[in-house]
Amino acid sequence: MSCLSRHRRRKYPLLACCALVATLVLASACSTVGTNSADIKPAAPAVPTDLPRWSAKGKVSFALKEETETARFQWRRTDSETDAITLSGPFSLRNQIIERSDDTVLWRDGEQVQLLSQLTPDSPVTAALVSLPHKSMGSWLLGASADEQDWQVDVTAWQAAPPWSAPAKVTIRGAGMEIKVIISQWEFSPLP
């Protein structure tokens, strides 16, 4: 019996096995795509929006008109008046750091340091950073609503961050721009 005739006899069982394997692979892929640690509603109590010490890591995109820029971020709040936000892009040679101490907000780009309000808003990132209410941004990231009528803040997904639920995705809209934040890691200190 030739290989060809053996192949023809096995053609239908082989096709059935391939179809079964393909179905199982697709079914398992479909069941894992929708399941992640983020959820639309918090499972545990939401993290307090006035928490004085925390840090968060993730990604952010800034969209202004038809231009969009993305960056990774690391945000550290050491008390209610002090923030340090490090932004890094996929092709940047150095990090940009935003430092807030009460009402003073500085922009550090390598050795260059200037008041954030003096930046030229020539990109979606700088346009957003110049126009955002800096005292409110940290509480927005924790899930607080916008107090300012020119801004809208929506938490679109939550994640477990024991002992609380914390935002996993936040969308901020205002001043003709949209900022989407994906938080991949939260750290709270001290815990209650």
N, C-alpha and C. Protein backbone atom coordinates (compact mmCIF):
# COMPACT_ATOMS: atom_id res chain seq x y z
N MET A 1 0.86 -1.16 0.00
CA MET A 1 0.00 0.00 0.00
C MET A 1 0.91 1.23 0.00
N SER A 2 0.61 2.14 -0.87
CA SER A 2 1.45 3.33 -0.97
C SER A 2 1.09 4.33 0.11
N CYS A 3 2.02 5.27 0.31
CA CYS A 3 1.78 6.33 1.30
C CYS A 3 0.56 7.16 0.92
N LEU A 4 0.37 7.37 -0.37
CA LEU A 4 -0.75 8.16 -0.84
C LEU A 4 -2.07 7.51 -0.50
N SER A 5 -2.19 6.21 -0.71
CA SER A 5 -3.46 5.54 -0.41
C SER A 5 -3.70 5.50 1.10
N ARG A 6 -2.63 5.35 1.91
CA ARG A 6 -2.81 5.40 3.37
C ARG A 6 -3.28 6.79 3.79
N HIS A 7 -2.72 7.82 3.15
CA HIS A 7 -3.11 9.19 3.47
C HIS A 7 -4.57 9.45 3.13
N ARG A 8 -5.02 8.89 1.99
CA ARG A 8 -6.43 9.08 1.61
C ARG A 8 -7.36 8.40 2.59
N ARG A 9 -6.99 7.24 3.07
CA ARG A 9 -7.84 6.54 4.03
C ARG A 9 -7.90 7.29 5.36
N ARG A 10 -6.81 7.93 5.71
CA ARG A 10 -6.76 8.65 7.00
C ARG A 10 -7.19 10.11 6.86
N LYS A 11 -7.51 10.52 5.67
CA LYS A 11 -7.81 11.92 5.42
C LYS A 11 -8.95 12.42 6.31
N TYR A 12 -10.05 11.73 6.35
CA TYR A 12 -11.19 12.20 7.11
C TYR A 12 -10.97 12.14 8.62
N PRO A 13 -10.40 11.04 9.16
CA PRO A 13 -10.11 11.07 10.59
C PRO A 13 -9.08 12.14 10.94
N LEU A 14 -8.10 12.36 10.07
CA LEU A 14 -7.09 13.37 10.32
C LEU A 14 -7.73 14.76 10.30
N LEU A 15 -8.61 14.99 9.32
CA LEU A 15 -9.32 16.27 9.27
C LEU A 15 -10.20 16.46 10.51
N ALA A 16 -10.85 15.42 10.96
CA ALA A 16 -11.69 15.51 12.15
C ALA A 16 -10.85 15.85 13.37
N CYS A 17 -9.68 15.21 13.50
CA CYS A 17 -8.79 15.50 14.63
C CYS A 17 -8.30 16.94 14.58
N CYS A 18 -7.91 17.40 13.37
CA CYS A 18 -7.45 18.78 13.22
C CYS A 18 -8.55 19.77 13.57
N ALA A 19 -9.77 19.48 13.12
CA ALA A 19 -10.90 20.36 13.42
C ALA A 19 -11.18 20.40 14.91
N LEU A 20 -11.08 19.24 15.57
CA LEU A 20 -11.30 19.18 17.02
C LEU A 20 -10.23 19.97 17.76
N VAL A 21 -8.98 19.80 17.37
CA VAL A 21 -7.88 20.54 18.02
C VAL A 21 -8.06 22.04 17.79
N ALA A 22 -8.39 22.44 16.57
CA ALA A 22 -8.59 23.86 16.27
C ALA A 22 -9.73 24.43 17.10
N THR A 23 -10.82 23.67 17.23
CA THR A 23 -11.96 24.12 18.04
C THR A 23 -11.57 24.28 19.49
N LEU A 24 -10.82 23.33 20.04
CA LEU A 24 -10.39 23.43 21.43
C LEU A 24 -9.45 24.61 21.65
N VAL A 25 -8.54 24.83 20.71
CA VAL A 25 -7.63 25.97 20.83
C VAL A 25 -8.40 27.27 20.80
N LEU A 26 -9.34 27.40 19.85
CA LEU A 26 -10.13 28.63 19.77
C LEU A 26 -11.00 28.81 21.01
N ALA A 27 -11.59 27.75 21.49
CA ALA A 27 -12.44 27.85 22.68
C ALA A 27 -11.62 28.27 23.89
N SER A 28 -10.44 27.71 24.05
CA SER A 28 -9.62 28.09 25.21
C SER A 28 -9.12 29.51 25.06
N ALA A 29 -8.80 29.94 23.83
CA ALA A 29 -8.35 31.31 23.63
C ALA A 29 -9.47 32.29 23.93
N CYS A 30 -10.68 31.96 23.50
CA CYS A 30 -11.80 32.85 23.76
C CYS A 30 -12.10 32.94 25.24
N SER A 31 -11.92 31.87 25.97
CA SER A 31 -12.25 31.92 27.39
C SER A 31 -11.22 32.69 28.18
N THR A 32 -9.97 32.80 27.69
CA THR A 32 -8.97 33.53 28.45
C THR A 32 -8.86 34.98 28.04
N VAL A 33 -9.32 35.34 26.85
CA VAL A 33 -9.20 36.73 26.40
C VAL A 33 -10.00 37.65 27.31
N GLY A 34 -11.21 37.27 27.66
CA GLY A 34 -12.06 38.14 28.46
C GLY A 34 -11.80 38.08 29.95
N THR A 35 -10.99 37.16 30.40
CA THR A 35 -10.77 37.05 31.83
C THR A 35 -9.40 37.60 32.17
N ASN A 36 -9.40 38.68 32.90
CA ASN A 36 -8.17 39.22 33.46
C ASN A 36 -8.50 39.80 34.82
N SER A 37 -7.53 40.42 35.45
CA SER A 37 -7.76 40.91 36.81
C SER A 37 -8.57 42.20 36.84
N ALA A 38 -8.82 42.80 35.68
CA ALA A 38 -9.59 44.03 35.65
C ALA A 38 -11.07 43.72 35.52
N ASP A 39 -11.88 44.53 36.16
CA ASP A 39 -13.32 44.36 36.11
C ASP A 39 -13.95 45.74 36.02
N ILE A 40 -15.20 45.79 35.57
CA ILE A 40 -15.88 47.07 35.42
C ILE A 40 -16.27 47.64 36.78
N LYS A 41 -16.71 46.79 37.71
CA LYS A 41 -17.11 47.25 39.04
C LYS A 41 -16.14 46.69 40.08
N PRO A 42 -15.81 47.51 41.08
CA PRO A 42 -14.88 47.01 42.09
C PRO A 42 -15.48 45.88 42.92
N ALA A 43 -14.67 44.84 43.17
CA ALA A 43 -15.13 43.71 43.97
C ALA A 43 -15.00 44.03 45.46
N ALA A 44 -13.93 44.67 45.84
CA ALA A 44 -13.70 45.09 47.23
C ALA A 44 -14.00 46.58 47.31
N PRO A 45 -13.98 47.15 48.51
CA PRO A 45 -14.18 48.60 48.61
C PRO A 45 -13.13 49.34 47.78
N ALA A 46 -13.54 50.43 47.17
CA ALA A 46 -12.62 51.22 46.35
C ALA A 46 -11.56 51.88 47.23
N VAL A 47 -10.37 52.02 46.67
CA VAL A 47 -9.27 52.67 47.38
C VAL A 47 -9.69 54.11 47.73
N PRO A 48 -9.35 54.60 48.92
CA PRO A 48 -9.69 55.98 49.27
C PRO A 48 -9.00 56.96 48.31
N THR A 49 -9.74 57.92 47.80
CA THR A 49 -9.18 58.86 46.83
C THR A 49 -8.31 59.93 47.48
N ASP A 50 -8.28 59.97 48.80
CA ASP A 50 -7.41 60.93 49.49
C ASP A 50 -6.23 60.24 50.18
N LEU A 51 -5.90 59.05 49.73
CA LEU A 51 -4.80 58.29 50.31
C LEU A 51 -3.51 59.10 50.15
N PRO A 52 -2.74 59.31 51.25
CA PRO A 52 -1.58 60.20 51.16
C PRO A 52 -0.33 59.58 50.55
N ARG A 53 -0.14 58.25 50.64
CA ARG A 53 1.10 57.63 50.14
C ARG A 53 0.76 56.44 49.25
N TRP A 54 1.27 56.45 48.02
CA TRP A 54 1.06 55.35 47.10
C TRP A 54 2.01 55.49 45.91
N SER A 55 2.08 54.43 45.13
CA SER A 55 2.79 54.50 43.86
C SER A 55 2.03 53.65 42.85
N ALA A 56 2.20 54.00 41.59
CA ALA A 56 1.53 53.30 40.50
C ALA A 56 2.45 53.26 39.29
N LYS A 57 2.32 52.18 38.52
CA LYS A 57 3.07 52.03 37.27
C LYS A 57 2.10 51.65 36.17
N GLY A 58 2.43 52.04 34.95
CA GLY A 58 1.58 51.65 33.84
C GLY A 58 1.93 52.37 32.57
N LYS A 59 0.91 52.54 31.72
CA LYS A 59 1.07 53.20 30.43
C LYS A 59 0.03 54.30 30.31
N VAL A 60 0.36 55.30 29.52
CA VAL A 60 -0.56 56.41 29.31
C VAL A 60 -0.48 56.85 27.85
N SER A 61 -1.63 57.23 27.29
CA SER A 61 -1.65 57.80 25.95
C SER A 61 -2.32 59.17 26.00
N PHE A 62 -1.75 60.10 25.26
CA PHE A 62 -2.26 61.46 25.19
C PHE A 62 -2.70 61.69 23.75
N ALA A 63 -3.97 62.00 23.54
CA ALA A 63 -4.49 62.25 22.19
C ALA A 63 -5.01 63.68 22.12
N LEU A 64 -4.49 64.42 21.15
CA LEU A 64 -4.90 65.79 20.90
C LEU A 64 -5.13 65.92 19.41
N LYS A 65 -6.35 66.25 19.04
CA LYS A 65 -6.76 66.28 17.63
C LYS A 65 -6.46 64.93 17.01
N GLU A 66 -5.62 64.86 16.00
CA GLU A 66 -5.34 63.58 15.37
C GLU A 66 -3.95 63.04 15.72
N GLU A 67 -3.33 63.60 16.74
CA GLU A 67 -1.99 63.18 17.14
C GLU A 67 -2.07 62.48 18.50
N THR A 68 -1.38 61.35 18.61
CA THR A 68 -1.37 60.58 19.86
C THR A 68 0.07 60.24 20.22
N GLU A 69 0.39 60.37 21.50
CA GLU A 69 1.69 59.97 22.02
C GLU A 69 1.46 59.05 23.20
N THR A 70 2.32 58.06 23.33
CA THR A 70 2.20 57.12 24.45
C THR A 70 3.51 57.12 25.24
N ALA A 71 3.38 56.71 26.50
CA ALA A 71 4.56 56.64 27.37
C ALA A 71 4.27 55.65 28.49
N ARG A 72 5.32 55.16 29.08
CA ARG A 72 5.21 54.41 30.33
C ARG A 72 5.34 55.44 31.44
N PHE A 73 4.74 55.13 32.59
CA PHE A 73 4.86 56.07 33.70
C PHE A 73 5.08 55.32 35.01
N GLN A 74 5.70 56.02 35.92
CA GLN A 74 5.81 55.58 37.31
C GLN A 74 5.48 56.81 38.15
N TRP A 75 4.47 56.67 39.00
CA TRP A 75 3.97 57.79 39.80
C TRP A 75 4.20 57.45 41.27
N ARG A 76 4.85 58.35 41.98
CA ARG A 76 5.06 58.17 43.42
C ARG A 76 4.50 59.38 44.15
N ARG A 77 3.59 59.11 45.06
CA ARG A 77 3.06 60.16 45.94
C ARG A 77 3.60 59.87 47.33
N THR A 78 4.38 60.82 47.85
CA THR A 78 4.95 60.62 49.19
C THR A 78 4.11 61.26 50.28
N ASP A 79 3.30 62.25 49.93
CA ASP A 79 2.29 62.82 50.82
C ASP A 79 1.29 63.57 49.94
N SER A 80 0.27 64.14 50.54
CA SER A 80 -0.81 64.73 49.74
C SER A 80 -0.36 65.95 48.93
N GLU A 81 0.81 66.50 49.22
CA GLU A 81 1.29 67.68 48.50
C GLU A 81 2.49 67.40 47.60
N THR A 82 2.94 66.14 47.53
CA THR A 82 4.17 65.85 46.80
C THR A 82 4.00 64.65 45.86
N ASP A 83 4.23 64.88 44.57
CA ASP A 83 4.18 63.84 43.55
C ASP A 83 5.46 63.87 42.73
N ALA A 84 5.89 62.70 42.27
CA ALA A 84 6.97 62.59 41.28
C ALA A 84 6.49 61.60 40.23
N ILE A 85 6.39 62.07 39.00
CA ILE A 85 5.91 61.24 37.89
C ILE A 85 7.03 61.14 36.87
N THR A 86 7.45 59.93 36.59
CA THR A 86 8.48 59.69 35.59
C THR A 86 7.81 59.15 34.33
N LEU A 87 8.05 59.83 33.21
CA LEU A 87 7.52 59.41 31.92
C LEU A 87 8.67 58.93 31.05
N SER A 88 8.47 57.80 30.38
CA SER A 88 9.48 57.31 29.44
C SER A 88 8.78 56.72 28.24
N GLY A 89 9.27 57.05 27.08
CA GLY A 89 8.70 56.55 25.84
C GLY A 89 9.54 55.42 25.29
N PRO A 90 9.01 54.75 24.29
CA PRO A 90 9.74 53.60 23.74
C PRO A 90 11.06 53.97 23.07
N PHE A 91 11.20 55.19 22.55
CA PHE A 91 12.42 55.56 21.85
C PHE A 91 13.17 56.70 22.53
N SER A 92 12.72 57.13 23.72
CA SER A 92 13.39 58.26 24.36
C SER A 92 14.73 57.83 24.95
N LEU A 93 15.67 58.74 24.90
CA LEU A 93 16.99 58.45 25.46
C LEU A 93 17.04 58.70 26.95
N ARG A 94 16.16 59.53 27.45
CA ARG A 94 16.14 59.82 28.88
C ARG A 94 14.69 60.01 29.34
N ASN A 95 14.50 59.90 30.61
CA ASN A 95 13.17 60.07 31.20
C ASN A 95 12.87 61.54 31.42
N GLN A 96 11.58 61.87 31.36
CA GLN A 96 11.12 63.19 31.77
C GLN A 96 10.44 63.00 33.12
N ILE A 97 10.67 63.92 34.02
CA ILE A 97 10.13 63.81 35.37
C ILE A 97 9.34 65.07 35.70
N ILE A 98 8.14 64.86 36.22
CA ILE A 98 7.30 65.95 36.71
C ILE A 98 7.32 65.86 38.22
N GLU A 99 7.69 66.95 38.87
CA GLU A 99 7.73 66.99 40.33
C GLU A 99 6.77 68.07 40.82
N ARG A 100 5.86 67.65 41.68
CA ARG A 100 4.91 68.61 42.26
C ARG A 100 5.16 68.70 43.75
N SER A 101 5.32 69.92 44.22
CA SER A 101 5.39 70.20 45.64
C SER A 101 4.39 71.33 45.90
N ASP A 102 3.23 70.96 46.44
CA ASP A 102 2.12 71.87 46.64
C ASP A 102 1.72 72.51 45.31
N ASP A 103 1.86 73.80 45.13
CA ASP A 103 1.45 74.47 43.89
C ASP A 103 2.59 74.59 42.87
N THR A 104 3.79 74.22 43.23
CA THR A 104 4.93 74.32 42.32
C THR A 104 5.10 73.00 41.57
N VAL A 105 5.08 73.09 40.24
CA VAL A 105 5.23 71.89 39.41
C VAL A 105 6.40 72.12 38.46
N LEU A 106 7.40 71.23 38.57
CA LEU A 106 8.61 71.33 37.75
C LEU A 106 8.64 70.24 36.70
N TRP A 107 9.29 70.53 35.58
CA TRP A 107 9.52 69.59 34.48
C TRP A 107 11.02 69.38 34.39
N ARG A 108 11.46 68.14 34.54
CA ARG A 108 12.88 67.81 34.42
C ARG A 108 13.08 66.95 33.18
N ASP A 109 13.93 67.43 32.31
CA ASP A 109 14.28 66.69 31.10
C ASP A 109 15.80 66.64 31.05
N GLY A 110 16.36 65.58 31.60
CA GLY A 110 17.81 65.49 31.73
C GLY A 110 18.28 66.53 32.73
N GLU A 111 19.21 67.37 32.32
CA GLU A 111 19.74 68.43 33.19
C GLU A 111 18.87 69.68 33.17
N GLN A 112 17.97 69.77 32.21
CA GLN A 112 17.12 70.96 32.08
C GLN A 112 15.95 70.87 33.06
N VAL A 113 15.75 71.94 33.85
CA VAL A 113 14.64 72.01 34.81
C VAL A 113 13.93 73.34 34.58
N GLN A 114 12.60 73.28 34.47
CA GLN A 114 11.82 74.51 34.34
C GLN A 114 10.44 74.30 34.93
N LEU A 115 9.76 75.41 35.18
CA LEU A 115 8.38 75.30 35.64
C LEU A 115 7.55 74.66 34.53
N LEU A 116 6.69 73.74 34.89
CA LEU A 116 5.86 73.06 33.90
C LEU A 116 5.00 74.05 33.13
N SER A 117 4.53 75.08 33.80
CA SER A 117 3.67 76.07 33.14
C SER A 117 4.41 76.83 32.04
N GLN A 118 5.74 76.78 32.01
CA GLN A 118 6.51 77.49 30.99
C GLN A 118 6.80 76.63 29.75
N LEU A 119 6.40 75.35 29.78
CA LEU A 119 6.60 74.50 28.62
C LEU A 119 5.77 74.99 27.44
N THR A 120 6.29 74.83 26.26
CA THR A 120 5.53 75.13 25.05
C THR A 120 4.65 73.92 24.75
N PRO A 121 3.34 74.10 24.68
CA PRO A 121 2.45 72.96 24.43
C PRO A 121 2.47 72.55 22.96
N ASP A 122 3.61 72.01 22.51
CA ASP A 122 3.78 71.68 21.10
C ASP A 122 3.57 70.20 20.78
N SER A 123 3.16 69.42 21.77
CA SER A 123 2.86 68.01 21.55
C SER A 123 1.68 67.64 22.45
N PRO A 124 1.02 66.51 22.17
CA PRO A 124 -0.09 66.12 23.05
C PRO A 124 0.34 65.98 24.52
N VAL A 125 1.54 65.48 24.76
CA VAL A 125 2.00 65.30 26.14
C VAL A 125 2.15 66.65 26.84
N THR A 126 2.90 67.57 26.23
CA THR A 126 3.10 68.87 26.89
C THR A 126 1.81 69.67 26.96
N ALA A 127 0.95 69.57 25.94
CA ALA A 127 -0.34 70.27 25.99
C ALA A 127 -1.17 69.78 27.17
N ALA A 128 -1.18 68.46 27.37
CA ALA A 128 -1.94 67.90 28.49
C ALA A 128 -1.34 68.32 29.82
N LEU A 129 -0.03 68.19 29.95
CA LEU A 129 0.61 68.47 31.23
C LEU A 129 0.50 69.94 31.62
N VAL A 130 0.52 70.83 30.65
CA VAL A 130 0.39 72.25 30.96
C VAL A 130 -1.03 72.59 31.40
N SER A 131 -2.03 71.93 30.83
CA SER A 131 -3.42 72.31 31.09
C SER A 131 -4.10 71.54 32.23
N LEU A 132 -3.56 70.40 32.64
CA LEU A 132 -4.21 69.60 33.69
C LEU A 132 -4.12 70.27 35.06
N PRO A 133 -5.16 70.11 35.89
CA PRO A 133 -5.10 70.60 37.27
C PRO A 133 -4.26 69.63 38.13
N HIS A 134 -3.04 70.00 38.41
CA HIS A 134 -2.06 69.08 39.00
C HIS A 134 -2.43 68.57 40.38
N LYS A 135 -3.10 69.36 41.18
CA LYS A 135 -3.50 68.89 42.51
C LYS A 135 -4.55 67.79 42.43
N SER A 136 -5.34 67.77 41.37
CA SER A 136 -6.42 66.79 41.23
C SER A 136 -5.99 65.49 40.57
N MET A 137 -4.91 65.51 39.82
CA MET A 137 -4.53 64.35 39.01
C MET A 137 -4.35 63.08 39.83
N GLY A 138 -3.71 63.15 40.98
CA GLY A 138 -3.49 61.96 41.79
C GLY A 138 -4.78 61.33 42.28
N SER A 139 -5.71 62.17 42.72
CA SER A 139 -6.99 61.62 43.18
C SER A 139 -7.79 61.07 42.00
N TRP A 140 -7.65 61.64 40.81
CA TRP A 140 -8.30 61.09 39.62
C TRP A 140 -7.77 59.69 39.33
N LEU A 141 -6.47 59.51 39.46
CA LEU A 141 -5.88 58.20 39.20
C LEU A 141 -6.42 57.17 40.19
N LEU A 142 -6.72 57.60 41.41
CA LEU A 142 -7.30 56.72 42.42
C LEU A 142 -8.79 56.50 42.24
N GLY A 143 -9.41 57.19 41.26
CA GLY A 143 -10.82 56.96 40.96
C GLY A 143 -11.77 58.07 41.34
N ALA A 144 -11.26 59.21 41.79
CA ALA A 144 -12.14 60.33 42.16
C ALA A 144 -12.73 60.96 40.90
N SER A 145 -13.91 61.54 41.05
CA SER A 145 -14.53 62.28 39.95
C SER A 145 -13.87 63.65 39.83
N ALA A 146 -14.00 64.24 38.66
CA ALA A 146 -13.43 65.57 38.43
C ALA A 146 -14.28 66.62 39.12
N ASP A 147 -13.65 67.48 39.91
CA ASP A 147 -14.35 68.61 40.51
C ASP A 147 -14.47 69.76 39.52
N GLU A 148 -13.51 69.84 38.62
CA GLU A 148 -13.49 70.91 37.63
C GLU A 148 -14.49 70.58 36.53
N GLN A 149 -15.31 71.54 36.13
CA GLN A 149 -16.33 71.28 35.12
C GLN A 149 -15.75 71.11 33.73
N ASP A 150 -14.52 71.53 33.50
CA ASP A 150 -13.91 71.39 32.18
C ASP A 150 -13.33 70.01 31.94
N TRP A 151 -13.30 69.15 32.96
CA TRP A 151 -12.69 67.84 32.85
C TRP A 151 -13.68 66.75 33.22
N GLN A 152 -13.55 65.60 32.57
CA GLN A 152 -14.38 64.43 32.88
C GLN A 152 -13.43 63.25 33.12
N VAL A 153 -13.67 62.53 34.22
CA VAL A 153 -12.83 61.38 34.58
C VAL A 153 -13.72 60.16 34.69
N ASP A 154 -13.36 59.08 33.97
CA ASP A 154 -14.12 57.84 34.02
C ASP A 154 -13.17 56.68 34.31
N VAL A 155 -13.50 55.90 35.35
CA VAL A 155 -12.79 54.65 35.59
C VAL A 155 -13.55 53.59 34.80
N THR A 156 -12.87 52.96 33.84
CA THR A 156 -13.54 51.99 32.97
C THR A 156 -13.23 50.55 33.37
N ALA A 157 -12.27 50.32 34.25
CA ALA A 157 -11.97 48.97 34.74
C ALA A 157 -11.28 49.08 36.09
N TRP A 158 -11.54 48.08 36.94
CA TRP A 158 -10.97 48.02 38.28
C TRP A 158 -10.13 46.76 38.41
N GLN A 159 -9.23 46.75 39.39
CA GLN A 159 -8.40 45.58 39.66
C GLN A 159 -8.23 45.41 41.16
N ALA A 160 -7.93 44.19 41.56
CA ALA A 160 -7.68 43.90 42.98
C ALA A 160 -6.34 44.51 43.37
N ALA A 161 -6.35 45.28 44.44
CA ALA A 161 -5.15 45.87 45.02
C ALA A 161 -5.35 45.82 46.53
N PRO A 162 -5.27 44.61 47.11
CA PRO A 162 -5.64 44.41 48.51
C PRO A 162 -5.05 45.47 49.44
N PRO A 163 -5.87 45.96 50.33
CA PRO A 163 -7.19 45.48 50.73
C PRO A 163 -8.34 46.12 49.94
N TRP A 164 -8.03 46.83 48.87
CA TRP A 164 -9.05 47.55 48.11
C TRP A 164 -9.13 47.06 46.67
N SER A 165 -10.06 47.68 45.96
CA SER A 165 -10.08 47.64 44.50
C SER A 165 -9.56 48.99 44.05
N ALA A 166 -8.73 48.98 43.03
CA ALA A 166 -8.15 50.23 42.52
C ALA A 166 -8.36 50.28 41.02
N PRO A 167 -8.36 51.48 40.46
CA PRO A 167 -8.56 51.59 39.02
C PRO A 167 -7.49 50.84 38.22
N ALA A 168 -7.92 50.20 37.15
CA ALA A 168 -7.01 49.56 36.20
C ALA A 168 -6.95 50.39 34.92
N LYS A 169 -8.06 51.05 34.58
CA LYS A 169 -8.12 51.91 33.39
C LYS A 169 -8.88 53.18 33.73
N VAL A 170 -8.30 54.31 33.39
CA VAL A 170 -8.92 55.61 33.64
C VAL A 170 -8.84 56.43 32.36
N THR A 171 -9.95 57.07 32.01
CA THR A 171 -9.98 57.96 30.85
C THR A 171 -10.30 59.36 31.34
N ILE A 172 -9.46 60.32 30.93
CA ILE A 172 -9.61 61.73 31.31
C ILE A 172 -9.84 62.51 30.02
N ARG A 173 -10.92 63.31 30.00
CA ARG A 173 -11.22 64.12 28.82
C ARG A 173 -11.41 65.58 29.23
N GLY A 174 -10.89 66.47 28.39
CA GLY A 174 -11.05 67.90 28.62
C GLY A 174 -10.07 68.67 27.78
N ALA A 175 -10.31 69.96 27.61
CA ALA A 175 -9.42 70.85 26.87
C ALA A 175 -9.11 70.30 25.47
N GLY A 176 -10.07 69.61 24.85
CA GLY A 176 -9.89 69.09 23.51
C GLY A 176 -8.98 67.88 23.42
N MET A 177 -8.73 67.22 24.54
CA MET A 177 -7.83 66.06 24.52
C MET A 177 -8.43 64.90 25.28
N GLU A 178 -7.85 63.73 25.06
CA GLU A 178 -8.24 62.52 25.77
C GLU A 178 -6.97 61.83 26.26
N ILE A 179 -6.97 61.49 27.54
CA ILE A 179 -5.83 60.82 28.16
C ILE A 179 -6.33 59.48 28.68
N LYS A 180 -5.69 58.41 28.22
CA LYS A 180 -6.07 57.07 28.67
C LYS A 180 -4.91 56.51 29.49
N VAL A 181 -5.25 56.05 30.69
CA VAL A 181 -4.24 55.54 31.62
C VAL A 181 -4.55 54.08 31.92
N ILE A 182 -3.56 53.24 31.80
CA ILE A 182 -3.67 51.83 32.19
C ILE A 182 -2.68 51.61 33.32
N ILE A 183 -3.20 51.27 34.49
CA ILE A 183 -2.35 51.06 35.66
C ILE A 183 -2.11 49.56 35.81
N SER A 184 -0.87 49.15 35.73
CA SER A 184 -0.53 47.72 35.83
C SER A 184 -0.13 47.32 37.24
N GLN A 185 0.29 48.28 38.05
CA GLN A 185 0.73 47.93 39.41
C GLN A 185 0.46 49.08 40.37
N TRP A 186 -0.11 48.73 41.52
CA TRP A 186 -0.34 49.68 42.61
C TRP A 186 0.46 49.23 43.83
N GLU A 187 0.95 50.19 44.61
CA GLU A 187 1.54 49.92 45.92
C GLU A 187 1.02 50.98 46.87
N PHE A 188 0.51 50.53 48.01
CA PHE A 188 -0.02 51.44 49.00
C PHE A 188 0.81 51.32 50.28
N SER A 189 1.13 52.48 50.86
CA SER A 189 1.95 52.47 52.06
C SER A 189 1.55 53.66 52.92
N PRO A 190 1.30 53.46 54.18
CA PRO A 190 1.13 52.16 54.84
C PRO A 190 -0.28 51.64 54.62
N LEU A 191 -0.42 50.34 54.72
CA LEU A 191 -1.75 49.74 54.62
C LEU A 191 -2.49 49.95 55.94
N PRO A 192 -3.83 49.97 55.89
CA PRO A 192 -4.59 50.16 57.13
C PRO A 192 -4.47 48.96 58.05
